[in-house]
Amino acid sequence: MGDSVAETAGKTQVSQQAKAQNTFSTAMVISGIRCAFTYVIFPVFAPILGVASGVGSGIGLVASIIGIAANIYSIKRFHSSNHKYKWHMTVLNVGVIGLLAGLMVMDLTSLF
């Protein structure tokens, strides 16, 4: 009976760690999509389609906020699952948050 409890606890721990890794992947994808829009899609296609330049900054601002929230959630998930790489992922997430915050400042200055 003790083995099944330990086995269940082990599976729960693995499941929590997998969820933490999936959350991290999602946060990185959101940040990547934000950068693709900012540096590829809007600069190339916005002038072709006649879209105003401020639209890209507005969307970038919203995407940055979503990306920062996703990275914060990723940090929370890694720490709550007690993942063995939680501090490594925290440093990486904080770095991405810093980059997104810098991009937010650039978007805000271009809007105002």
C-alpha atoms as a PDB file:
ATOM      1  CA  MET A   1       0.000   0.000   0.000  1.00  0.00           C
ATOM      2  CA  GLY A   2       2.890   2.389   0.706  1.00  0.00           C
ATOM      3  CA  ASP A   3       4.304   1.879  -2.780  1.00  0.00           C
ATOM      4  CA  SER A   4       1.094   2.985  -4.492  1.00  0.00           C
ATOM      5  CA  VAL A   5       1.004   6.204  -2.443  1.00  0.00           C
ATOM      6  CA  ALA A   6       4.619   6.965  -3.324  1.00  0.00           C
ATOM      7  CA  GLU A   7       3.963   6.090  -6.960  1.00  0.00           C
ATOM      8  CA  THR A   8       0.923   8.410  -7.062  1.00  0.00           C
ATOM      9  CA  ALA A   9       2.924  11.213  -5.433  1.00  0.00           C
ATOM     10  CA  GLY A  10       5.702  10.715  -7.978  1.00  0.00           C
ATOM     11  CA  LYS A  11       3.248  10.886 -10.876  1.00  0.00           C
ATOM     12  CA  THR A  12       1.707  14.048  -9.440  1.00  0.00           C
ATOM     13  CA  GLN A  13       5.150  15.654  -9.185  1.00  0.00           C
ATOM     14  CA  VAL A  14       5.981  14.700 -12.778  1.00  0.00           C
ATOM     15  CA  SER A  15       2.609  16.053 -13.922  1.00  0.00           C
ATOM     16  CA  GLN A  16       3.206  19.383 -12.155  1.00  0.00           C
ATOM     17  CA  GLN A  17       6.660  19.660 -13.691  1.00  0.00           C
ATOM     18  CA  ALA A  18       5.273  18.917 -17.157  1.00  0.00           C
ATOM     19  CA  LYS A  19       2.669  21.643 -16.663  1.00  0.00           C
ATOM     20  CA  ALA A  20       5.421  24.053 -15.622  1.00  0.00           C
ATOM     21  CA  GLN A  21       7.406  23.222 -18.765  1.00  0.00           C
ATOM     22  CA  ASN A  22       4.308  23.683 -20.939  1.00  0.00           C
ATOM     23  CA  THR A  23       3.616  27.054 -19.320  1.00  0.00           C
ATOM     24  CA  PHE A  24       7.191  28.123 -20.030  1.00  0.00           C
ATOM     25  CA  SER A  25       6.857  27.034 -23.655  1.00  0.00           C
ATOM     26  CA  THR A  26       3.624  28.989 -24.001  1.00  0.00           C
ATOM     27  CA  ALA A  27       5.231  32.107 -22.524  1.00  0.00           C
ATOM     28  CA  MET A  28       8.129  31.851 -24.987  1.00  0.00           C
ATOM     29  CA  VAL A  29       5.751  31.366 -27.933  1.00  0.00           C
ATOM     30  CA  ILE A  30       3.752  34.452 -26.933  1.00  0.00           C
ATOM     31  CA  SER A  31       6.953  36.485 -26.678  1.00  0.00           C
ATOM     32  CA  GLY A  32       8.117  35.155 -30.056  1.00  0.00           C
ATOM     33  CA  ILE A  33       4.822  35.992 -31.738  1.00  0.00           C
ATOM     34  CA  ARG A  34       5.050  39.513 -30.331  1.00  0.00           C
ATOM     35  CA  CYS A  35       8.506  39.932 -31.831  1.00  0.00           C
ATOM     36  CA  ALA A  36       7.428  38.487 -35.184  1.00  0.00           C
ATOM     37  CA  PHE A  37       4.601  40.999 -35.392  1.00  0.00           C
ATOM     38  CA  THR A  38       6.818  43.889 -34.301  1.00  0.00           C
ATOM     39  CA  TYR A  39       9.820  43.213 -36.508  1.00  0.00           C
ATOM     40  CA  VAL A  40       8.480  41.280 -39.508  1.00  0.00           C
ATOM     41  CA  ILE A  41       4.765  41.459 -40.099  1.00  0.00           C
ATOM     42  CA  PHE A  42       3.991  45.106 -39.316  1.00  0.00           C
ATOM     43  CA  PRO A  43       7.087  46.675 -40.879  1.00  0.00           C
ATOM     44  CA  VAL A  44       6.619  44.700 -44.104  1.00  0.00           C
ATOM     45  CA  PHE A  45       2.889  44.300 -44.517  1.00  0.00           C
ATOM     46  CA  ALA A  46       1.412  47.354 -42.762  1.00  0.00           C
ATOM     47  CA  PRO A  47       2.606  49.818 -45.432  1.00  0.00           C
ATOM     48  CA  ILE A  48       1.436  47.490 -48.204  1.00  0.00           C
ATOM     49  CA  LEU A  49      -2.017  47.254 -46.654  1.00  0.00           C
ATOM     50  CA  GLY A  50      -2.116  50.973 -45.792  1.00  0.00           C
ATOM     51  CA  VAL A  51      -2.373  50.376 -42.054  1.00  0.00           C
ATOM     52  CA  ALA A  52      -1.274  53.241 -39.815  1.00  0.00           C
ATOM     53  CA  SER A  53       2.076  52.821 -38.094  1.00  0.00           C
ATOM     54  CA  GLY A  54       0.616  53.318 -34.600  1.00  0.00           C
ATOM     55  CA  VAL A  55      -1.436  50.157 -34.920  1.00  0.00           C
ATOM     56  CA  GLY A  56       1.677  47.987 -34.640  1.00  0.00           C
ATOM     57  CA  SER A  57       2.794  49.780 -31.488  1.00  0.00           C
ATOM     58  CA  GLY A  58      -0.632  49.394 -29.926  1.00  0.00           C
ATOM     59  CA  ILE A  59      -0.767  45.683 -30.671  1.00  0.00           C
ATOM     60  CA  GLY A  60       2.832  45.305 -29.524  1.00  0.00           C
ATOM     61  CA  LEU A  61       1.966  46.975 -26.233  1.00  0.00           C
ATOM     62  CA  VAL A  62      -0.907  44.578 -25.602  1.00  0.00           C
ATOM     63  CA  ALA A  63       1.217  41.597 -26.667  1.00  0.00           C
ATOM     64  CA  SER A  64       3.999  42.696 -24.294  1.00  0.00           C
ATOM     65  CA  ILE A  65       1.584  42.843 -21.378  1.00  0.00           C
ATOM     66  CA  ILE A  66       0.267  39.365 -22.206  1.00  0.00           C
ATOM     67  CA  GLY A  67       3.832  38.070 -22.603  1.00  0.00           C
ATOM     68  CA  ILE A  68       4.927  39.496 -19.256  1.00  0.00           C
ATOM     69  CA  ALA A  69       1.902  37.962 -17.536  1.00  0.00           C
ATOM     70  CA  ALA A  70       2.640  34.588 -19.166  1.00  0.00           C
ATOM     71  CA  ASN A  71       6.266  34.710 -18.027  1.00  0.00           C
ATOM     72  CA  ILE A  72       5.247  35.583 -14.464  1.00  0.00           C
ATOM     73  CA  TYR A  73       2.810  32.670 -14.498  1.00  0.00           C
ATOM     74  CA  SER A  74       5.604  30.433 -15.787  1.00  0.00           C
ATOM     75  CA  ILE A  75       7.830  31.439 -12.864  1.00  0.00           C
ATOM     76  CA  LYS A  76       4.977  30.694 -10.460  1.00  0.00           C
ATOM     77  CA  ARG A  77       4.398  27.273 -12.017  1.00  0.00           C
ATOM     78  CA  PHE A  78       8.077  26.270 -11.856  1.00  0.00           C
ATOM     79  CA  HIS A  79       8.342  27.243  -8.206  1.00  0.00           C
ATOM     80  CA  SER A  80       5.057  25.631  -7.161  1.00  0.00           C
ATOM     81  CA  SER A  81       6.091  22.342  -8.801  1.00  0.00           C
ATOM     82  CA  ASN A  82       9.532  22.547  -7.166  1.00  0.00           C
ATOM     83  CA  HIS A  83      11.100  21.806 -10.561  1.00  0.00           C
ATOM     84  CA  LYS A  84      14.815  21.063 -10.404  1.00  0.00           C
ATOM     85  CA  TYR A  85      15.539  23.872 -12.899  1.00  0.00           C
ATOM     86  CA  LYS A  86      13.242  26.437 -11.297  1.00  0.00           C
ATOM     87  CA  TRP A  87      16.010  28.992 -10.702  1.00  0.00           C
ATOM     88  CA  HIS A  88      17.420  28.584 -14.214  1.00  0.00           C
ATOM     89  CA  MET A  89      13.965  29.153 -15.691  1.00  0.00           C
ATOM     90  CA  THR A  90      13.368  32.081 -13.340  1.00  0.00           C
ATOM     91  CA  VAL A  91      16.495  33.820 -14.637  1.00  0.00           C
ATOM     92  CA  LEU A  92      15.464  33.174 -18.243  1.00  0.00           C
ATOM     93  CA  ASN A  93      11.899  34.367 -17.634  1.00  0.00           C
ATOM     94  CA  VAL A  94      13.107  37.511 -15.866  1.00  0.00           C
ATOM     95  CA  GLY A  95      15.395  38.228 -18.821  1.00  0.00           C
ATOM     96  CA  VAL A  96      12.479  37.902 -21.243  1.00  0.00           C
ATOM     97  CA  ILE A  97      10.341  40.102 -18.984  1.00  0.00           C
ATOM     98  CA  GLY A  98      13.102  42.727 -19.076  1.00  0.00           C
ATOM     99  CA  LEU A  99      13.228  42.614 -22.868  1.00  0.00           C
ATOM    100  CA  LEU A 100       9.439  42.858 -23.130  1.00  0.00           C
ATOM    101  CA  ALA A 101       9.427  45.772 -20.686  1.00  0.00           C
ATOM    102  CA  GLY A 102      11.978  47.560 -22.884  1.00  0.00           C
ATOM    103  CA  LEU A 103       9.818  46.934 -25.936  1.00  0.00           C
ATOM    104  CA  MET A 104       6.809  48.262 -24.030  1.00  0.00           C
ATOM    105  CA  VAL A 105       8.665  51.497 -23.342  1.00  0.00           C
ATOM    106  CA  MET A 106       9.538  51.784 -27.033  1.00  0.00           C
ATOM    107  CA  ASP A 107       5.905  51.160 -27.994  1.00  0.00           C
ATOM    108  CA  LEU A 108       4.681  53.743 -25.513  1.00  0.00           C
ATOM    109  CA  THR A 109       7.114  56.381 -26.782  1.00  0.00           C
ATOM    110  CA  SER A 110       6.057  55.767 -30.357  1.00  0.00           C
ATOM    111  CA  LEU A 111       2.379  56.053 -29.409  1.00  0.00           C
ATOM    112  CA  PHE A 112       2.759  59.243 -27.384  1.00  0.00           C
END
